[in-house]
Amino acid sequence: MSHPPAFDDQPLGLTVHSMPSPQDMAAPEQTRLGRWKMLLVLLVCAAPVIASYLTYYVVRPEGRRNFGELIEPQRPLPDLMAQAMDGTQVNLRTLQDQWLLISVAGAQCDTVCAKHLYLQRQLREGLGKNKDRLDWVWLIDDTAPVPAEILPALKTATVLRVPAQVLQTWLLPAQGAKLSDHLYLVDPLGNWMMRFPALLTAEQAPNAKRDLERLMRASDSWDKAGR
């Protein structure tokens, strides 16, 4: 007589998975919300800078023209070393966080160079209470010594030696002009953004001053004196 097959008398095993908690379900949503909040904070912080640039570059009153030529696209300060008058090495990017009014010339400083240095100093002084927001900078593109007789006039200037080939990859003169013919303006973010006409004269200087004053007003909400 045949017998029915034997079965192990073992309890049936079941795996029970718990339901996801509300906290687990909310985690991705909280992450997305946190990212949006961070983005909003960044936009709020950047708003004054964006607004001032829009005011100057986009929302311009009818009939208003810049005396200086706007540089588009702007060119950031190169990440390269220069040499100060005392021989110390200075990274050019440490100059940012201030407006910079720059001239370029050899150390012997010819007539054009001397006139530029004078106008740089006068334009800065003409800004009155805003003068501490602008540094006047002489970039020397050779290794010759600076004449001793002009050193006293440079006490409030930033004077750095930068190889000519470096300057030529960053600053550009107008067509038909030389690099040393212009004054160049760099904003506090470190971008070269304006070039004044070649061989600027004392009679033209008030026009350059108006450009500087407009830029100071446009950036007043976010740019303060000092680095």
C-alpha atoms as a PDB file:
ATOM      1  CA  MET A   1       0.000   0.000   0.000  1.00  0.00           C
ATOM      2  CA  SER A   2       1.468   3.323  -1.080  1.00  0.00           C
ATOM      3  CA  HIS A   3       1.843   6.157   1.397  1.00  0.00           C
ATOM      4  CA  PRO A   4       1.273   9.848   0.644  1.00  0.00           C
ATOM      5  CA  PRO A   5       4.462  11.907   0.307  1.00  0.00           C
ATOM      6  CA  ALA A   6       5.815  13.344   3.498  1.00  0.00           C
ATOM      7  CA  PHE A   7       5.886  17.120   4.034  1.00  0.00           C
ATOM      8  CA  ASP A   8       8.075  18.888   6.562  1.00  0.00           C
ATOM      9  CA  ASP A   9       5.915  20.278   9.232  1.00  0.00           C
ATOM     10  CA  GLN A  10       7.661  23.724   9.300  1.00  0.00           C
ATOM     11  CA  PRO A  11       6.005  27.072   9.859  1.00  0.00           C
ATOM     12  CA  LEU A  12       5.566  29.230   6.778  1.00  0.00           C
ATOM     13  CA  GLY A  13       8.118  32.055   6.809  1.00  0.00           C
ATOM     14  CA  LEU A  14       6.928  35.552   5.864  1.00  0.00           C
ATOM     15  CA  THR A  15       9.034  38.704   5.546  1.00  0.00           C
ATOM     16  CA  VAL A  16       7.278  41.775   6.784  1.00  0.00           C
ATOM     17  CA  HIS A  17       8.461  45.126   5.396  1.00  0.00           C
ATOM     18  CA  SER A  18       7.628  48.226   7.351  1.00  0.00           C
ATOM     19  CA  MET A  19       5.868  51.103   5.606  1.00  0.00           C
ATOM     20  CA  PRO A  20       8.026  54.217   4.955  1.00  0.00           C
ATOM     21  CA  SER A  21       7.695  56.780   7.682  1.00  0.00           C
ATOM     22  CA  PRO A  22       6.442  60.297   6.901  1.00  0.00           C
ATOM     23  CA  GLN A  23       9.908  61.576   7.835  1.00  0.00           C
ATOM     24  CA  ASP A  24      11.557  59.362   5.177  1.00  0.00           C
ATOM     25  CA  MET A  25       9.096  60.492   2.548  1.00  0.00           C
ATOM     26  CA  ALA A  26       9.652  64.151   3.413  1.00  0.00           C
ATOM     27  CA  ALA A  27      13.476  64.039   3.208  1.00  0.00           C
ATOM     28  CA  PRO A  28      13.789  64.545  -0.607  1.00  0.00           C
ATOM     29  CA  GLU A  29      11.246  67.354  -0.454  1.00  0.00           C
ATOM     30  CA  GLN A  30      13.170  69.035   2.369  1.00  0.00           C
ATOM     31  CA  THR A  31      16.399  68.736   0.365  1.00  0.00           C
ATOM     32  CA  ARG A  32      14.820  70.429  -2.646  1.00  0.00           C
ATOM     33  CA  LEU A  33      13.363  73.138  -0.430  1.00  0.00           C
ATOM     34  CA  GLY A  34      16.770  73.737   1.183  1.00  0.00           C
ATOM     35  CA  ARG A  35      18.397  74.133  -2.224  1.00  0.00           C
ATOM     36  CA  TRP A  36      15.813  76.679  -3.313  1.00  0.00           C
ATOM     37  CA  LYS A  37      16.306  78.638  -0.080  1.00  0.00           C
ATOM     38  CA  MET A  38      20.088  78.689  -0.617  1.00  0.00           C
ATOM     39  CA  LEU A  39      19.614  79.880  -4.200  1.00  0.00           C
ATOM     40  CA  LEU A  40      17.273  82.618  -2.992  1.00  0.00           C
ATOM     41  CA  VAL A  41      19.837  83.811  -0.417  1.00  0.00           C
ATOM     42  CA  LEU A  42      22.554  83.952  -3.111  1.00  0.00           C
ATOM     43  CA  LEU A  43      20.284  85.951  -5.407  1.00  0.00           C
ATOM     44  CA  VAL A  44      19.463  88.404  -2.622  1.00  0.00           C
ATOM     45  CA  CYS A  45      23.174  88.893  -1.891  1.00  0.00           C
ATOM     46  CA  ALA A  46      24.006  89.389  -5.583  1.00  0.00           C
ATOM     47  CA  ALA A  47      21.031  91.657  -6.307  1.00  0.00           C
ATOM     48  CA  PRO A  48      22.794  94.983  -5.531  1.00  0.00           C
ATOM     49  CA  VAL A  49      25.708  94.118  -7.842  1.00  0.00           C
ATOM     50  CA  ILE A  50      23.364  92.985 -10.625  1.00  0.00           C
ATOM     51  CA  ALA A  51      21.152  96.054 -10.205  1.00  0.00           C
ATOM     52  CA  SER A  52      24.058  98.507 -10.344  1.00  0.00           C
ATOM     53  CA  TYR A  53      25.431  96.932 -13.509  1.00  0.00           C
ATOM     54  CA  LEU A  54      21.995  96.906 -15.138  1.00  0.00           C
ATOM     55  CA  THR A  55      21.596 100.565 -14.185  1.00  0.00           C
ATOM     56  CA  TYR A  56      24.870 101.553 -15.807  1.00  0.00           C
ATOM     57  CA  TYR A  57      25.015  99.223 -18.778  1.00  0.00           C
ATOM     58  CA  VAL A  58      21.361  98.697 -19.702  1.00  0.00           C
ATOM     59  CA  VAL A  59      18.975 101.249 -18.231  1.00  0.00           C
ATOM     60  CA  ARG A  60      20.752 104.329 -19.543  1.00  0.00           C
ATOM     61  CA  PRO A  61      18.966 107.668 -19.834  1.00  0.00           C
ATOM     62  CA  GLU A  62      18.291 108.731 -23.408  1.00  0.00           C
ATOM     63  CA  GLY A  63      21.044 110.849 -24.889  1.00  0.00           C
ATOM     64  CA  ARG A  64      23.652 109.840 -22.325  1.00  0.00           C
ATOM     65  CA  ARG A  65      26.953 108.662 -23.724  1.00  0.00           C
ATOM     66  CA  ASN A  66      30.047 107.334 -22.031  1.00  0.00           C
ATOM     67  CA  PHE A  67      33.267 109.185 -22.632  1.00  0.00           C
ATOM     68  CA  GLY A  68      35.276 106.013 -22.025  1.00  0.00           C
ATOM     69  CA  GLU A  69      34.839 102.958 -24.234  1.00  0.00           C
ATOM     70  CA  LEU A  70      33.129 100.018 -22.518  1.00  0.00           C
ATOM     71  CA  ILE A  71      34.977  96.718 -22.915  1.00  0.00           C
ATOM     72  CA  GLU A  72      32.747  93.794 -23.851  1.00  0.00           C
ATOM     73  CA  PRO A  73      33.292  91.112 -22.828  1.00  0.00           C
ATOM     74  CA  GLN A  74      35.109  92.291 -19.745  1.00  0.00           C
ATOM     75  CA  ARG A  75      38.560  90.837 -19.040  1.00  0.00           C
ATOM     76  CA  PRO A  76      39.485  89.650 -15.537  1.00  0.00           C
ATOM     77  CA  LEU A  77      42.793  90.465 -13.876  1.00  0.00           C
ATOM     78  CA  PRO A  78      45.319  87.772 -14.828  1.00  0.00           C
ATOM     79  CA  ASP A  79      46.404  85.365 -12.110  1.00  0.00           C
ATOM     80  CA  LEU A  80      50.069  86.337 -12.395  1.00  0.00           C
ATOM     81  CA  MET A  81      52.807  87.788 -10.217  1.00  0.00           C
ATOM     82  CA  ALA A  82      54.066  91.363 -10.450  1.00  0.00           C
ATOM     83  CA  GLN A  83      56.907  93.089  -8.615  1.00  0.00           C
ATOM     84  CA  ALA A  84      56.390  96.013  -6.228  1.00  0.00           C
ATOM     85  CA  MET A  85      58.833  98.891  -5.897  1.00  0.00           C
ATOM     86  CA  ASP A  86      60.476  97.219  -2.878  1.00  0.00           C
ATOM     87  CA  GLY A  87      61.045  94.008  -4.840  1.00  0.00           C
ATOM     88  CA  THR A  88      58.268  91.952  -3.221  1.00  0.00           C
ATOM     89  CA  GLN A  89      56.085  89.740  -5.396  1.00  0.00           C
ATOM     90  CA  VAL A  90      52.404  90.659  -5.695  1.00  0.00           C
ATOM     91  CA  ASN A  91      49.647  88.687  -7.402  1.00  0.00           C
ATOM     92  CA  LEU A  92      47.720  91.022  -9.694  1.00  0.00           C
ATOM     93  CA  ARG A  93      44.429  89.617  -8.433  1.00  0.00           C
ATOM     94  CA  THR A  94      45.102  91.025  -4.968  1.00  0.00           C
ATOM     95  CA  LEU A  95      44.351  94.434  -6.509  1.00  0.00           C
ATOM     96  CA  GLN A  96      40.645  93.659  -6.865  1.00  0.00           C
ATOM     97  CA  ASP A  97      37.949  94.849  -4.417  1.00  0.00           C
ATOM     98  CA  GLN A  98      38.811  98.423  -5.418  1.00  0.00           C
ATOM     99  CA  TRP A  99      38.218 100.428  -8.568  1.00  0.00           C
ATOM    100  CA  LEU A 100      41.543 100.722 -10.407  1.00  0.00           C
ATOM    101  CA  LEU A 101      42.574 103.544 -12.742  1.00  0.00           C
ATOM    102  CA  ILE A 102      45.590 102.149 -14.596  1.00  0.00           C
ATOM    103  CA  SER A 103      48.320 103.555 -16.797  1.00  0.00           C
ATOM    104  CA  VAL A 104      51.087 101.599 -18.523  1.00  0.00           C
ATOM    105  CA  ALA A 105      54.552 102.918 -19.355  1.00  0.00           C
ATOM    106  CA  GLY A 106      58.261 102.213 -19.128  1.00  0.00           C
ATOM    107  CA  ALA A 107      60.049 103.146 -15.908  1.00  0.00           C
ATOM    108  CA  GLN A 108      61.767 106.201 -17.395  1.00  0.00           C
ATOM    109  CA  CYS A 109      58.281 107.755 -17.749  1.00  0.00           C
ATOM    110  CA  ASP A 110      58.174 109.953 -20.826  1.00  0.00           C
ATOM    111  CA  THR A 111      55.973 113.018 -21.298  1.00  0.00           C
ATOM    112  CA  VAL A 112      52.806 110.971 -21.937  1.00  0.00           C
ATOM    113  CA  CYS A 113      53.481 108.850 -18.860  1.00  0.00           C
ATOM    114  CA  ALA A 114      54.012 111.909 -16.660  1.00  0.00           C
ATOM    115  CA  LYS A 115      50.764 113.464 -17.896  1.00  0.00           C
ATOM    116  CA  HIS A 116      48.854 110.239 -17.238  1.00  0.00           C
ATOM    117  CA  LEU A 117      50.199 109.960 -13.700  1.00  0.00           C
ATOM    118  CA  TYR A 118      49.163 113.550 -13.027  1.00  0.00           C
ATOM    119  CA  LEU A 119      45.660 113.005 -14.439  1.00  0.00           C
ATOM    120  CA  GLN A 120      45.225 109.749 -12.512  1.00  0.00           C
ATOM    121  CA  ARG A 121      45.993 111.479  -9.245  1.00  0.00           C
ATOM    122  CA  GLN A 122      43.759 114.465 -10.073  1.00  0.00           C
ATOM    123  CA  LEU A 123      40.847 112.278 -11.176  1.00  0.00           C
ATOM    124  CA  ARG A 124      41.046 110.313  -7.948  1.00  0.00           C
ATOM    125  CA  GLU A 125      41.170 113.459  -5.819  1.00  0.00           C
ATOM    126  CA  GLY A 126      38.230 114.852  -7.774  1.00  0.00           C
ATOM    127  CA  LEU A 127      35.988 112.048  -6.514  1.00  0.00           C
ATOM    128  CA  GLY A 128      35.897 113.656  -3.065  1.00  0.00           C
ATOM    129  CA  LYS A 129      34.453 111.303  -0.453  1.00  0.00           C
ATOM    130  CA  ASN A 130      34.611 108.426  -2.955  1.00  0.00           C
ATOM    131  CA  LYS A 131      38.322 108.768  -3.701  1.00  0.00           C
ATOM    132  CA  ASP A 132      39.203 105.945  -1.281  1.00  0.00           C
ATOM    133  CA  ARG A 133      37.204 103.572  -3.456  1.00  0.00           C
ATOM    134  CA  LEU A 134      39.621 104.053  -6.354  1.00  0.00           C
ATOM    135  CA  ASP A 135      43.345 103.241  -6.535  1.00  0.00           C
ATOM    136  CA  TRP A 136      45.551 104.810  -9.175  1.00  0.00           C
ATOM    137  CA  VAL A 137      47.969 102.256 -10.570  1.00  0.00           C
ATOM    138  CA  TRP A 138      51.101 102.551 -12.694  1.00  0.00           C
ATOM    139  CA  LEU A 139      52.126  99.308 -14.374  1.00  0.00           C
ATOM    140  CA  ILE A 140      55.771  99.439 -15.478  1.00  0.00           C
ATOM    141  CA  ASP A 141      56.430  97.170 -18.445  1.00  0.00           C
ATOM    142  CA  ASP A 142      60.250  97.083 -18.353  1.00  0.00           C
ATOM    143  CA  THR A 143      63.113  96.612 -15.881  1.00  0.00           C
ATOM    144  CA  ALA A 144      64.645 100.121 -16.001  1.00  0.00           C
ATOM    145  CA  PRO A 145      64.997 102.119 -12.752  1.00  0.00           C
ATOM    146  CA  VAL A 146      62.363 104.706 -11.845  1.00  0.00           C
ATOM    147  CA  PRO A 147      63.868 108.243 -11.748  1.00  0.00           C
ATOM    148  CA  ALA A 148      64.317 109.378  -8.156  1.00  0.00           C
ATOM    149  CA  GLU A 149      62.750 112.780  -8.845  1.00  0.00           C
ATOM    150  CA  ILE A 150      59.292 111.307  -9.545  1.00  0.00           C
ATOM    151  CA  LEU A 151      59.162 108.985  -6.532  1.00  0.00           C
ATOM    152  CA  PRO A 152      57.676 111.589  -4.117  1.00  0.00           C
ATOM    153  CA  ALA A 153      54.695 112.035  -6.456  1.00  0.00           C
ATOM    154  CA  LEU A 154      53.958 108.306  -6.316  1.00  0.00           C
ATOM    155  CA  LYS A 155      53.371 108.040  -2.561  1.00  0.00           C
ATOM    156  CA  THR A 156      49.636 107.350  -2.941  1.00  0.00           C
ATOM    157  CA  ALA A 157      49.993 105.278  -6.119  1.00  0.00           C
ATOM    158  CA  THR A 158      50.277 101.527  -6.579  1.00  0.00           C
ATOM    159  CA  VAL A 159      53.364 100.908  -8.731  1.00  0.00           C
ATOM    160  CA  LEU A 160      54.062  97.407 -10.064  1.00  0.00           C
ATOM    161  CA  ARG A 161      56.364  95.929 -12.681  1.00  0.00           C
ATOM    162  CA  VAL A 162      54.563  93.562 -15.042  1.00  0.00           C
ATOM    163  CA  PRO A 163      56.173  91.948 -18.107  1.00  0.00           C
ATOM    164  CA  ALA A 164      55.031  93.610 -21.327  1.00  0.00           C
ATOM    165  CA  GLN A 165      53.907  90.305 -22.831  1.00  0.00           C
ATOM    166  CA  VAL A 166      51.563  89.731 -19.878  1.00  0.00           C
ATOM    167  CA  LEU A 167      49.978  93.159 -20.242  1.00  0.00           C
ATOM    168  CA  GLN A 168      49.497  92.643 -23.966  1.00  0.00           C
ATOM    169  CA  THR A 169      47.414  89.525 -23.341  1.00  0.00           C
ATOM    170  CA  TRP A 170      45.115  91.415 -20.953  1.00  0.00           C
ATOM    171  CA  LEU A 171      44.875  95.093 -21.927  1.00  0.00           C
ATOM    172  CA  LEU A 172      44.424  96.229 -25.508  1.00  0.00           C
ATOM    173  CA  PRO A 173      44.830  99.713 -27.027  1.00  0.00           C
ATOM    174  CA  ALA A 174      42.456 101.153 -29.592  1.00  0.00           C
ATOM    175  CA  GLN A 175      43.312 100.529 -33.227  1.00  0.00           C
ATOM    176  CA  GLY A 176      46.322 102.606 -34.211  1.00  0.00           C
ATOM    177  CA  ALA A 177      47.240 103.441 -30.592  1.00  0.00           C
ATOM    178  CA  LYS A 178      49.830 102.056 -28.188  1.00  0.00           C
ATOM    179  CA  LEU A 179      49.183 100.386 -24.843  1.00  0.00           C
ATOM    180  CA  SER A 180      50.781 103.359 -23.090  1.00  0.00           C
ATOM    181  CA  ASP A 181      48.423 105.843 -24.802  1.00  0.00           C
ATOM    182  CA  HIS A 182      45.383 105.023 -22.643  1.00  0.00           C
ATOM    183  CA  LEU A 183      44.076 105.023 -19.109  1.00  0.00           C
ATOM    184  CA  TYR A 184      42.258 101.779 -18.227  1.00  0.00           C
ATOM    185  CA  LEU A 185      39.516 101.229 -15.640  1.00  0.00           C
ATOM    186  CA  VAL A 186      39.081  97.978 -13.700  1.00  0.00           C
ATOM    187  CA  ASP A 187      36.017  97.359 -11.510  1.00  0.00           C
ATOM    188  CA  PRO A 188      36.115  95.996  -7.917  1.00  0.00           C
ATOM    189  CA  LEU A 189      35.333  92.503  -9.208  1.00  0.00           C
ATOM    190  CA  GLY A 190      38.685  92.563 -11.007  1.00  0.00           C
ATOM    191  CA  ASN A 191      37.397  93.067 -14.553  1.00  0.00           C
ATOM    192  CA  TRP A 192      38.871  95.507 -17.052  1.00  0.00           C
ATOM    193  CA  MET A 193      35.686  97.225 -18.211  1.00  0.00           C
ATOM    194  CA  MET A 194      36.573 100.650 -19.689  1.00  0.00           C
ATOM    195  CA  ARG A 195      39.283 102.304 -21.776  1.00  0.00           C
ATOM    196  CA  PHE A 196      39.593 106.073 -21.945  1.00  0.00           C
ATOM    197  CA  PRO A 197      40.553 107.741 -25.240  1.00  0.00           C
ATOM    198  CA  ALA A 198      44.200 107.751 -26.241  1.00  0.00           C
ATOM    199  CA  LEU A 199      46.381 110.630 -25.078  1.00  0.00           C
ATOM    200  CA  LEU A 200      43.812 112.025 -22.655  1.00  0.00           C
ATOM    201  CA  THR A 201      44.208 115.771 -22.145  1.00  0.00           C
ATOM    202  CA  ALA A 202      43.482 117.985 -19.160  1.00  0.00           C
ATOM    203  CA  GLU A 203      40.601 119.522 -21.134  1.00  0.00           C
ATOM    204  CA  GLN A 204      39.044 116.066 -21.600  1.00  0.00           C
ATOM    205  CA  ALA A 205      39.580 115.015 -17.988  1.00  0.00           C
ATOM    206  CA  PRO A 206      36.155 116.331 -16.774  1.00  0.00           C
ATOM    207  CA  ASN A 207      34.484 113.886 -19.180  1.00  0.00           C
ATOM    208  CA  ALA A 208      36.459 110.998 -17.681  1.00  0.00           C
ATOM    209  CA  LYS A 209      35.548 112.262 -14.204  1.00  0.00           C
ATOM    210  CA  ARG A 210      31.839 112.131 -15.077  1.00  0.00           C
ATOM    211  CA  ASP A 211      32.182 108.480 -16.095  1.00  0.00           C
ATOM    212  CA  LEU A 212      33.913 107.697 -12.804  1.00  0.00           C
ATOM    213  CA  GLU A 213      31.251 109.519 -10.791  1.00  0.00           C
ATOM    214  CA  ARG A 214      28.445 107.630 -12.554  1.00  0.00           C
ATOM    215  CA  LEU A 215      30.124 104.323 -11.845  1.00  0.00           C
ATOM    216  CA  MET A 216      30.629 105.254  -8.194  1.00  0.00           C
ATOM    217  CA  ARG A 217      26.939 106.098  -7.849  1.00  0.00           C
ATOM    218  CA  ALA A 218      25.845 102.939  -9.644  1.00  0.00           C
ATOM    219  CA  SER A 219      27.993 100.722  -7.397  1.00  0.00           C
ATOM    220  CA  ASP A 220      27.472 102.623  -4.136  1.00  0.00           C
ATOM    221  CA  SER A 221      25.128  99.991  -2.650  1.00  0.00           C
ATOM    222  CA  TRP A 222      27.672  97.168  -2.779  1.00  0.00           C
ATOM    223  CA  ASP A 223      31.166  98.672  -3.192  1.00  0.00           C
ATOM    224  CA  LYS A 224      32.855 100.270  -0.184  1.00  0.00           C
ATOM    225  CA  ALA A 225      36.324 101.696   0.304  1.00  0.00           C
ATOM    226  CA  GLY A 226      39.109  99.256   1.218  1.00  0.00           C
ATOM    227  CA  ARG A 227      39.800  95.631   0.421  1.00  0.00           C
END
